[in-house]
Amino acid sequence: MDKDKLKLGDINSQKRFHQYFVENLKDRPPNTFRFFERPNNIYSVHGKEECDFVAKIVFKSVSGVKILGFSDISSALPSHYYLTLTRKQFEEASRNILLVKNYRLELYINNKNSWNLEYFGSPGNLTQFEDLIFSNKDGIVGTGMLSLKFQRVGNENKLGIVSVDTNNYEFLVAEFLDNDFFAELESILVGLSPKECLVNSTEGEFNSKINEILERNGILVTVLDKKIASSKTWKSDLLQDLRLF
């Protein structure tokens, strides 16, 4: 491909994007990689850490990482670094981020003077990226998502789980008591092999233990805001989700 097509435009357009990026998108959510769709099926990623990570996936080297034209290596900030990818390279990076590293992925689309988050993917929710990352149905692996609620009731640990298998369109709901080592929970996790687990934001010793178990089993932890975790509209939300199936 013509190298000029991999550039991000002239100096002024680079400055405008950098200003927008710093003002609106500088703080990256943990374990999340953000891509930006450019003309001619080109995609860019920004930030020194993010660029190096993606470059090592695609090119096995960081030599392709560049600095915006209005800066130089001596004065470059982390936000000045960028990497451009072709469509095929973006697909390769997406597969690795979602299926191998078990991280989240966001794709932003330009809309006049702003960038909108149009596509979001995580190990337990690949719906918007299925056509991109799977070349055939045989390549589909487990993409289950688990929601977990923990309560300390007296001297007992009460756990509730909801498992969603997005490939087979199945729900599994269970509630059980567990010991302080959460042996029953870990056994269930091994059996279901979810890619992602939603937990509430309550802090405490037992939640820390649960997080350790999830991380030990390679499950991405997504912490929900208390307002979401205790939503009073769960019945209508569930019915809406079921209609998607």
Protein backbone atom coordinates (compact mmCIF):
# COMPACT_ATOMS: atom_id res chain seq x y z
CA MET A 1 0.00 0.00 0.00
CA ASP A 2 1.11 3.58 -0.71
CA LYS A 3 2.83 4.88 2.42
CA ASP A 4 1.13 8.27 1.98
CA LYS A 5 -2.21 6.60 2.69
CA LEU A 6 -0.90 5.54 6.09
CA LYS A 7 -0.31 9.15 7.14
CA LEU A 8 -2.73 11.08 9.33
CA GLY A 9 -3.07 14.12 7.10
CA ASP A 10 -1.31 17.47 7.22
CA ILE A 11 0.14 19.15 10.30
CA ASN A 12 -3.01 21.16 11.02
CA SER A 13 -5.27 18.11 10.96
CA GLN A 14 -2.82 16.28 13.23
CA LYS A 15 -2.89 19.19 15.68
CA ARG A 16 -6.70 19.24 15.70
CA PHE A 17 -6.89 15.51 16.35
CA HIS A 18 -4.25 15.67 19.09
CA GLN A 19 -6.09 18.49 20.84
CA TYR A 20 -9.36 16.53 20.70
CA PHE A 21 -7.63 13.35 21.88
CA VAL A 22 -5.99 15.04 24.88
CA GLU A 23 -9.15 16.89 25.89
CA ASN A 24 -11.59 14.00 25.50
CA LEU A 25 -9.83 10.63 25.29
CA LYS A 26 -6.50 10.88 27.07
CA ASP A 27 -7.54 8.75 30.08
CA ARG A 28 -7.69 5.20 28.76
CA PRO A 29 -9.87 2.69 30.65
CA PRO A 30 -7.80 -0.20 32.07
CA ASN A 31 -7.16 -3.17 29.76
CA THR A 32 -8.75 -1.27 26.87
CA PHE A 33 -7.31 -0.47 23.44
CA ARG A 34 -8.83 2.26 21.29
CA PHE A 35 -8.64 2.43 17.50
CA PHE A 36 -9.72 5.22 15.15
CA GLU A 37 -11.11 4.56 11.68
CA ARG A 38 -9.48 6.70 8.98
CA PRO A 39 -10.23 7.09 5.25
CA ASN A 40 -9.11 4.36 2.82
CA ASN A 41 -9.54 1.50 5.34
CA ILE A 42 -6.77 2.81 7.57
CA TYR A 43 -6.87 2.57 11.36
CA SER A 44 -4.80 4.41 13.94
CA VAL A 45 -3.95 3.87 17.59
CA HIS A 46 -2.51 6.58 19.85
CA GLY A 47 -0.37 6.77 22.98
CA LYS A 48 3.15 5.43 23.50
CA GLU A 49 2.18 2.37 25.55
CA GLU A 50 -0.75 1.42 23.31
CA CYS A 51 1.23 1.88 20.09
CA ASP A 52 4.14 -0.24 21.31
CA PHE A 53 1.77 -2.99 22.41
CA VAL A 54 -0.09 -3.16 19.09
CA ALA A 55 3.09 -2.82 17.02
CA LYS A 56 4.63 -5.83 18.76
CA ILE A 57 1.50 -7.86 17.94
CA VAL A 58 1.39 -6.94 14.26
CA PHE A 59 5.00 -6.17 13.32
CA LYS A 60 6.95 -7.92 16.13
CA SER A 61 8.75 -4.59 16.46
CA VAL A 62 8.06 -1.00 17.51
CA SER A 63 9.87 0.49 14.52
CA GLY A 64 6.54 1.37 12.86
CA VAL A 65 5.49 3.66 15.72
CA LYS A 66 5.65 7.32 14.65
CA ILE A 67 5.48 10.75 16.24
CA LEU A 68 3.02 13.41 15.11
CA GLY A 69 4.58 15.82 12.63
CA PHE A 70 4.51 18.89 14.87
CA SER A 71 6.64 17.17 17.54
CA ASP A 72 10.04 15.48 17.69
CA ILE A 73 11.66 12.73 19.73
CA SER A 74 13.23 15.14 22.23
CA SER A 75 9.95 16.84 23.18
CA ALA A 76 7.42 14.11 22.42
CA LEU A 77 4.73 13.38 24.98
CA PRO A 78 3.14 9.90 25.23
CA SER A 79 0.08 11.28 23.40
CA HIS A 80 2.24 12.32 20.40
CA TYR A 81 2.93 8.71 19.41
CA TYR A 82 0.74 6.96 16.86
CA LEU A 83 0.60 3.82 14.75
CA THR A 84 -1.35 3.28 11.52
CA LEU A 85 -2.63 -0.09 10.31
CA THR A 86 -4.23 -1.46 7.18
CA ARG A 87 -7.57 -3.26 7.44
CA LYS A 88 -5.86 -6.66 7.52
CA GLN A 89 -3.43 -5.54 10.22
CA PHE A 90 -6.30 -4.10 12.27
CA GLU A 91 -8.11 -7.44 12.05
CA GLU A 92 -5.00 -9.25 13.27
CA ALA A 93 -4.58 -6.85 16.19
CA SER A 94 -8.28 -7.14 17.10
CA ARG A 95 -8.18 -10.93 17.22
CA ASN A 96 -5.12 -10.89 19.45
CA ILE A 97 -6.47 -8.24 21.82
CA LEU A 98 -9.89 -9.86 22.25
CA LEU A 99 -9.14 -13.58 22.03
CA VAL A 100 -5.53 -13.99 23.17
CA LYS A 101 -4.86 -11.15 25.57
CA ASN A 102 -8.48 -11.01 26.80
CA TYR A 103 -8.60 -7.21 26.71
CA ARG A 104 -11.29 -4.78 25.60
CA LEU A 105 -11.38 -3.00 22.25
CA GLU A 106 -13.06 0.24 21.19
CA LEU A 107 -13.40 1.59 17.65
CA TYR A 108 -14.09 5.29 17.12
CA ILE A 109 -15.60 6.78 13.96
CA ASN A 110 -15.13 10.39 12.90
CA ASN A 111 -18.23 12.56 12.90
CA LYS A 112 -17.44 16.09 11.72
CA ASN A 113 -15.38 17.60 14.56
CA SER A 114 -15.68 14.76 17.05
CA TRP A 115 -15.03 11.04 17.35
CA ASN A 116 -17.85 8.71 18.40
CA LEU A 117 -17.46 5.30 20.00
CA GLU A 118 -19.30 3.09 17.48
CA TYR A 119 -18.01 -0.41 18.25
CA PHE A 120 -17.09 -2.02 21.55
CA GLY A 121 -15.83 -5.54 22.17
CA SER A 122 -14.67 -7.54 25.16
CA PRO A 123 -13.80 -11.23 25.67
CA GLY A 124 -17.35 -11.94 26.82
CA ASN A 125 -19.07 -9.73 24.26
CA LEU A 126 -17.76 -10.16 20.72
CA THR A 127 -21.04 -9.41 18.94
CA GLN A 128 -19.92 -6.26 17.12
CA PHE A 129 -16.60 -7.79 16.05
CA GLU A 130 -17.62 -11.36 15.11
CA ASP A 131 -17.52 -10.76 11.35
CA LEU A 132 -14.15 -9.08 11.73
CA ILE A 133 -12.29 -11.60 13.88
CA PHE A 134 -13.82 -14.91 12.78
CA SER A 135 -13.14 -16.06 9.23
CA ASN A 136 -15.40 -19.09 9.63
CA LYS A 137 -17.70 -20.64 12.21
CA ASP A 138 -15.21 -23.34 13.11
CA GLY A 139 -12.96 -20.64 14.48
CA ILE A 140 -15.46 -19.57 17.12
CA VAL A 141 -14.33 -20.36 20.64
CA GLY A 142 -16.07 -19.91 23.95
CA THR A 143 -17.15 -16.31 24.41
CA GLY A 144 -19.26 -16.68 27.53
CA MET A 145 -19.88 -13.86 29.99
CA LEU A 146 -20.58 -14.30 33.68
CA SER A 147 -22.21 -11.93 36.14
CA LEU A 148 -21.40 -12.50 39.80
CA LYS A 149 -23.01 -11.12 42.96
CA PHE A 150 -21.52 -11.72 46.40
CA GLN A 151 -23.10 -11.26 49.82
CA ARG A 152 -21.75 -12.00 53.27
CA VAL A 153 -24.74 -13.41 55.22
CA GLY A 154 -23.77 -14.03 58.82
CA ASN A 155 -20.81 -16.40 58.68
CA GLU A 156 -21.64 -17.65 55.18
CA ASN A 157 -20.74 -16.53 51.68
CA LYS A 158 -23.75 -16.31 49.39
CA LEU A 159 -23.06 -16.07 45.67
CA GLY A 160 -25.37 -15.60 42.73
CA ILE A 161 -24.25 -16.08 39.14
CA VAL A 162 -25.75 -15.60 35.70
CA SER A 163 -23.86 -17.12 32.79
CA VAL A 164 -24.55 -16.15 29.18
CA ASP A 165 -23.31 -18.32 26.31
CA THR A 166 -23.42 -15.97 23.32
CA ASN A 167 -22.68 -18.76 20.84
CA ASN A 168 -25.45 -21.15 21.91
CA TYR A 169 -27.85 -18.47 23.21
CA GLU A 170 -28.13 -20.01 26.66
CA PHE A 171 -28.59 -18.55 30.15
CA LEU A 172 -27.57 -20.30 33.35
CA VAL A 173 -28.71 -18.94 36.73
CA ALA A 174 -27.52 -20.28 40.08
CA GLU A 175 -27.31 -19.30 43.74
CA PHE A 176 -25.20 -21.16 46.28
CA LEU A 177 -23.22 -20.97 49.53
CA ASP A 178 -19.45 -21.27 49.47
CA ASN A 179 -16.54 -21.48 51.91
CA ASP A 180 -13.98 -18.74 52.49
CA PHE A 181 -11.73 -20.23 49.80
CA PHE A 182 -14.57 -20.03 47.25
CA ALA A 183 -13.82 -23.57 46.11
CA GLU A 184 -17.31 -24.07 44.65
CA LEU A 185 -17.06 -20.85 42.69
CA GLU A 186 -13.70 -21.78 41.21
CA SER A 187 -15.04 -25.21 40.24
CA ILE A 188 -17.93 -23.55 38.39
CA LEU A 189 -15.58 -21.12 36.64
CA VAL A 190 -13.40 -23.98 35.42
CA GLY A 191 -16.47 -25.77 34.07
CA LEU A 192 -18.05 -22.77 32.34
CA SER A 193 -14.79 -21.16 31.14
CA PRO A 194 -16.20 -17.64 30.78
CA LYS A 195 -14.03 -14.99 29.14
CA GLU A 196 -15.35 -12.08 31.19
CA CYS A 197 -17.02 -11.55 34.57
CA LEU A 198 -19.13 -8.60 35.68
CA VAL A 199 -18.87 -7.78 39.40
CA ASN A 200 -20.25 -4.96 41.53
CA SER A 201 -18.01 -2.25 42.91
CA THR A 202 -18.27 -3.24 46.59
CA GLU A 203 -14.83 -3.37 48.12
CA GLY A 204 -13.67 -5.76 50.83
CA GLU A 205 -11.54 -8.74 51.73
CA PHE A 206 -13.80 -11.33 50.12
CA ASN A 207 -14.19 -9.41 46.89
CA SER A 208 -10.40 -9.28 46.69
CA LYS A 209 -10.28 -13.05 47.01
CA ILE A 210 -12.88 -13.44 44.26
CA ASN A 211 -10.91 -11.12 41.98
CA GLU A 212 -7.78 -13.21 42.57
CA ILE A 213 -9.67 -16.36 41.53
CA LEU A 214 -11.03 -14.68 38.40
CA GLU A 215 -7.60 -13.40 37.37
CA ARG A 216 -6.00 -16.77 38.10
CA ASN A 217 -8.42 -18.36 35.65
CA GLY A 218 -7.68 -15.80 32.94
CA ILE A 219 -11.08 -14.10 33.21
CA LEU A 220 -11.31 -10.38 32.49
CA VAL A 221 -12.95 -8.55 35.42
CA THR A 222 -15.33 -5.69 34.61
CA VAL A 223 -16.43 -3.69 37.66
CA LEU A 224 -19.93 -2.26 37.41
CA ASP A 225 -21.04 0.98 38.99
CA LYS A 226 -23.26 0.44 42.03
CA LYS A 227 -26.19 2.12 40.26
CA ILE A 228 -25.97 -0.38 37.41
CA ALA A 229 -25.38 -3.39 39.65
CA SER A 230 -28.49 -2.60 41.73
CA SER A 231 -30.71 -1.47 38.87
CA LYS A 232 -34.43 -1.47 39.66
CA THR A 233 -35.25 -1.98 35.98
CA TRP A 234 -33.59 -5.40 35.68
CA LYS A 235 -36.81 -7.14 34.60
CA SER A 236 -37.44 -4.85 31.64
CA ASP A 237 -33.72 -4.88 30.79
CA LEU A 238 -33.73 -8.68 30.77
CA LEU A 239 -36.78 -8.85 28.50
CA GLN A 240 -35.14 -6.41 26.12
CA ASP A 241 -31.95 -8.50 26.04
CA LEU A 242 -33.92 -11.69 25.42
CA ARG A 243 -35.53 -10.14 22.36
CA LEU A 244 -32.04 -9.78 20.88
CA PHE A 245 -31.77 -13.57 20.83
